N, C-alpha and C. Protein backbone atom coordinates (compact mmCIF):
# COMPACT_ATOMS: atom_id res chain seq x y z
N UNK A 1 -24.34 -2.47 6.13
CA UNK A 1 -23.52 -2.31 7.32
C UNK A 1 -22.08 -2.73 6.99
N UNK A 2 -21.13 -1.95 7.44
CA UNK A 2 -19.73 -2.27 7.21
C UNK A 2 -19.04 -2.60 8.52
N UNK A 3 -17.97 -3.35 8.41
CA UNK A 3 -17.20 -3.74 9.58
C UNK A 3 -16.19 -2.66 9.91
N UNK A 4 -16.28 -2.09 11.09
CA UNK A 4 -15.32 -1.09 11.55
C UNK A 4 -14.40 -1.76 12.57
N UNK A 5 -13.13 -1.54 12.42
CA UNK A 5 -12.15 -2.12 13.34
C UNK A 5 -11.36 -0.98 13.97
N UNK A 6 -11.33 -0.95 15.30
CA UNK A 6 -10.57 0.07 16.02
C UNK A 6 -9.09 -0.28 15.95
N UNK A 7 -8.29 0.68 15.54
CA UNK A 7 -6.85 0.45 15.43
C UNK A 7 -6.18 1.05 16.67
N UNK A 8 -6.14 0.27 17.72
CA UNK A 8 -5.64 0.77 19.00
C UNK A 8 -4.13 0.93 18.99
N UNK A 9 -3.66 1.95 19.69
CA UNK A 9 -2.24 2.20 19.84
C UNK A 9 -1.62 2.99 18.71
N UNK A 10 -2.39 3.27 17.66
CA UNK A 10 -1.85 4.02 16.53
C UNK A 10 -2.23 5.49 16.64
N UNK A 11 -1.40 6.33 16.03
CA UNK A 11 -1.58 7.77 16.11
C UNK A 11 -1.88 8.32 14.71
N UNK A 12 -2.77 9.30 14.63
CA UNK A 12 -3.10 9.96 13.37
C UNK A 12 -1.91 10.83 12.94
N UNK A 13 -1.53 10.73 11.69
CA UNK A 13 -0.40 11.50 11.18
C UNK A 13 -0.74 12.99 11.12
N UNK A 14 -1.99 13.31 10.85
CA UNK A 14 -2.40 14.70 10.66
C UNK A 14 -2.54 15.44 11.99
N UNK A 15 -3.35 14.89 12.91
CA UNK A 15 -3.63 15.62 14.16
C UNK A 15 -2.87 15.08 15.37
N UNK A 16 -2.29 13.88 15.26
CA UNK A 16 -1.51 13.31 16.34
C UNK A 16 -2.32 12.61 17.42
N UNK A 17 -3.63 12.52 17.24
CA UNK A 17 -4.49 11.86 18.24
C UNK A 17 -4.22 10.36 18.26
N UNK A 18 -4.07 9.82 19.46
CA UNK A 18 -3.83 8.39 19.62
C UNK A 18 -5.16 7.69 19.90
N UNK A 19 -5.31 6.49 19.34
CA UNK A 19 -6.48 5.63 19.54
C UNK A 19 -7.78 6.21 18.98
N UNK A 20 -7.69 7.00 17.92
CA UNK A 20 -8.90 7.53 17.27
C UNK A 20 -9.03 7.04 15.84
N UNK A 21 -8.22 6.05 15.44
CA UNK A 21 -8.26 5.53 14.08
C UNK A 21 -9.16 4.32 13.98
N UNK A 22 -9.99 4.31 12.93
CA UNK A 22 -10.90 3.21 12.67
C UNK A 22 -10.76 2.79 11.23
N UNK A 23 -10.68 1.48 10.98
CA UNK A 23 -10.62 0.94 9.62
C UNK A 23 -12.02 0.53 9.21
N UNK A 24 -12.47 1.00 8.07
CA UNK A 24 -13.75 0.63 7.50
C UNK A 24 -13.45 -0.27 6.30
N UNK A 25 -13.51 -1.57 6.49
CA UNK A 25 -13.12 -2.52 5.45
C UNK A 25 -14.10 -2.54 4.29
N UNK A 26 -15.35 -2.21 4.55
CA UNK A 26 -16.35 -2.18 3.49
C UNK A 26 -16.08 -1.08 2.48
N UNK A 27 -15.66 0.08 2.95
CA UNK A 27 -15.34 1.20 2.06
C UNK A 27 -13.87 1.24 1.70
N UNK A 28 -13.04 0.47 2.41
CA UNK A 28 -11.61 0.41 2.12
C UNK A 28 -10.85 1.64 2.57
N UNK A 29 -11.24 2.20 3.72
CA UNK A 29 -10.54 3.39 4.22
C UNK A 29 -10.24 3.26 5.71
N UNK A 30 -9.29 4.07 6.16
CA UNK A 30 -9.02 4.27 7.58
C UNK A 30 -9.34 5.72 7.85
N UNK A 31 -10.07 5.98 8.94
CA UNK A 31 -10.40 7.37 9.23
C UNK A 31 -10.10 7.70 10.69
N UNK A 32 -9.76 8.96 10.91
CA UNK A 32 -9.51 9.46 12.25
C UNK A 32 -10.80 10.09 12.75
N UNK A 33 -11.29 9.61 13.88
CA UNK A 33 -12.54 10.14 14.43
C UNK A 33 -12.33 11.49 15.12
N UNK A 34 -11.07 11.88 15.31
CA UNK A 34 -10.76 13.16 15.94
C UNK A 34 -10.80 14.30 14.92
N UNK A 35 -10.07 14.16 13.82
CA UNK A 35 -9.97 15.26 12.85
C UNK A 35 -10.72 14.99 11.54
N UNK A 36 -11.13 13.75 11.30
CA UNK A 36 -11.87 13.43 10.09
C UNK A 36 -11.03 13.04 8.89
N UNK A 37 -9.72 13.04 9.05
CA UNK A 37 -8.83 12.66 7.95
C UNK A 37 -9.06 11.19 7.59
N UNK A 38 -9.00 10.86 6.30
CA UNK A 38 -9.15 9.47 5.89
C UNK A 38 -8.06 9.11 4.89
N UNK A 39 -7.80 7.81 4.79
CA UNK A 39 -6.79 7.29 3.87
C UNK A 39 -7.30 5.97 3.31
N UNK A 40 -6.90 5.65 2.09
CA UNK A 40 -7.30 4.41 1.46
C UNK A 40 -6.50 3.24 2.00
N UNK A 41 -7.18 2.11 2.17
CA UNK A 41 -6.52 0.86 2.56
C UNK A 41 -6.01 0.17 1.31
N UNK A 42 -4.86 -0.47 1.44
CA UNK A 42 -4.34 -1.29 0.35
C UNK A 42 -4.21 -2.71 0.85
N UNK A 43 -4.72 -3.64 0.08
CA UNK A 43 -4.62 -5.05 0.45
C UNK A 43 -3.16 -5.49 0.30
N UNK A 44 -2.62 -6.10 1.33
CA UNK A 44 -1.21 -6.50 1.33
C UNK A 44 -0.92 -7.50 0.21
N UNK A 45 -1.85 -8.40 -0.09
CA UNK A 45 -1.62 -9.38 -1.15
C UNK A 45 -1.58 -8.72 -2.51
N UNK A 46 -2.45 -7.73 -2.74
CA UNK A 46 -2.45 -7.02 -4.02
C UNK A 46 -1.15 -6.25 -4.16
N UNK A 47 -0.73 -5.59 -3.09
CA UNK A 47 0.52 -4.83 -3.12
C UNK A 47 1.70 -5.75 -3.40
N UNK A 48 1.77 -6.89 -2.73
CA UNK A 48 2.88 -7.82 -2.93
C UNK A 48 2.88 -8.36 -4.36
N UNK A 49 1.70 -8.68 -4.90
CA UNK A 49 1.62 -9.20 -6.27
C UNK A 49 2.07 -8.13 -7.25
N UNK A 50 1.68 -6.90 -7.01
CA UNK A 50 2.08 -5.80 -7.88
C UNK A 50 3.60 -5.62 -7.84
N UNK A 51 4.17 -5.70 -6.64
CA UNK A 51 5.62 -5.58 -6.50
C UNK A 51 6.34 -6.71 -7.23
N UNK A 52 5.80 -7.93 -7.14
CA UNK A 52 6.40 -9.08 -7.83
C UNK A 52 6.34 -8.89 -9.34
N UNK A 53 5.21 -8.38 -9.85
CA UNK A 53 5.08 -8.15 -11.29
C UNK A 53 6.10 -7.13 -11.75
N UNK A 54 6.26 -6.06 -11.01
CA UNK A 54 7.22 -5.02 -11.38
C UNK A 54 8.65 -5.57 -11.32
N UNK A 55 8.93 -6.37 -10.31
CA UNK A 55 10.27 -6.96 -10.17
C UNK A 55 10.57 -7.87 -11.35
N UNK A 56 9.60 -8.71 -11.73
CA UNK A 56 9.78 -9.60 -12.87
C UNK A 56 9.99 -8.83 -14.16
N UNK A 57 9.26 -7.74 -14.33
CA UNK A 57 9.42 -6.92 -15.53
C UNK A 57 10.80 -6.29 -15.57
N UNK A 58 11.27 -5.78 -14.40
CA UNK A 58 12.60 -5.18 -14.35
C UNK A 58 13.68 -6.19 -14.69
N UNK A 59 13.54 -7.43 -14.16
CA UNK A 59 14.53 -8.46 -14.43
C UNK A 59 14.58 -8.80 -15.91
N UNK A 60 13.41 -8.92 -16.55
CA UNK A 60 13.41 -9.25 -17.98
C UNK A 60 13.97 -8.09 -18.79
N UNK A 61 13.68 -6.85 -18.39
CA UNK A 61 14.24 -5.68 -19.07
C UNK A 61 15.77 -5.68 -18.95
N UNK A 62 16.26 -5.97 -17.75
CA UNK A 62 17.71 -6.01 -17.53
C UNK A 62 18.36 -7.11 -18.36
N UNK A 63 17.70 -8.26 -18.44
CA UNK A 63 18.25 -9.35 -19.24
C UNK A 63 18.28 -8.97 -20.72
N UNK A 64 17.25 -8.29 -21.18
CA UNK A 64 17.20 -7.85 -22.57
C UNK A 64 18.31 -6.85 -22.87
N UNK A 65 18.57 -5.93 -21.95
CA UNK A 65 19.65 -4.97 -22.14
C UNK A 65 21.01 -5.66 -22.19
N UNK A 66 21.19 -6.67 -21.34
CA UNK A 66 22.44 -7.41 -21.31
C UNK A 66 22.66 -8.14 -22.63
N UNK A 67 21.59 -8.69 -23.20
CA UNK A 67 21.70 -9.40 -24.47
C UNK A 67 22.06 -8.42 -25.58
N UNK A 68 21.47 -7.25 -25.55
CA UNK A 68 21.78 -6.24 -26.58
C UNK A 68 23.23 -5.77 -26.46
N UNK A 69 23.71 -5.63 -25.23
CA UNK A 69 25.11 -5.21 -25.04
C UNK A 69 26.07 -6.23 -25.64
N UNK A 70 25.80 -7.52 -25.40
CA UNK A 70 26.69 -8.57 -25.92
C UNK A 70 26.68 -8.59 -27.44
N UNK A 71 25.50 -8.33 -28.05
CA UNK A 71 25.42 -8.34 -29.49
C UNK A 71 26.20 -7.18 -30.10
N UNK A 72 26.21 -6.05 -29.43
CA UNK A 72 26.84 -4.87 -30.01
C UNK A 72 28.35 -4.82 -29.80
N UNK A 73 28.87 -5.70 -28.97
CA UNK A 73 30.32 -5.67 -28.68
C UNK A 73 31.11 -6.36 -29.73
């Protein structure tokens, strides 16, 4: 059995139906009970950690480029 949560007040992007979206946390999807469209859920903590990793990588890449510029001048 999975936990279904009704997402009240939200509208389906595909069909425009309001209050027909349900989140299935066990399967990790949101589905519209009107048209059947589904979308994957992303955990906010995983997304934030991924963004932080990418930001850290970009900063180190930028610092490396700056060091190379100074050496070549």
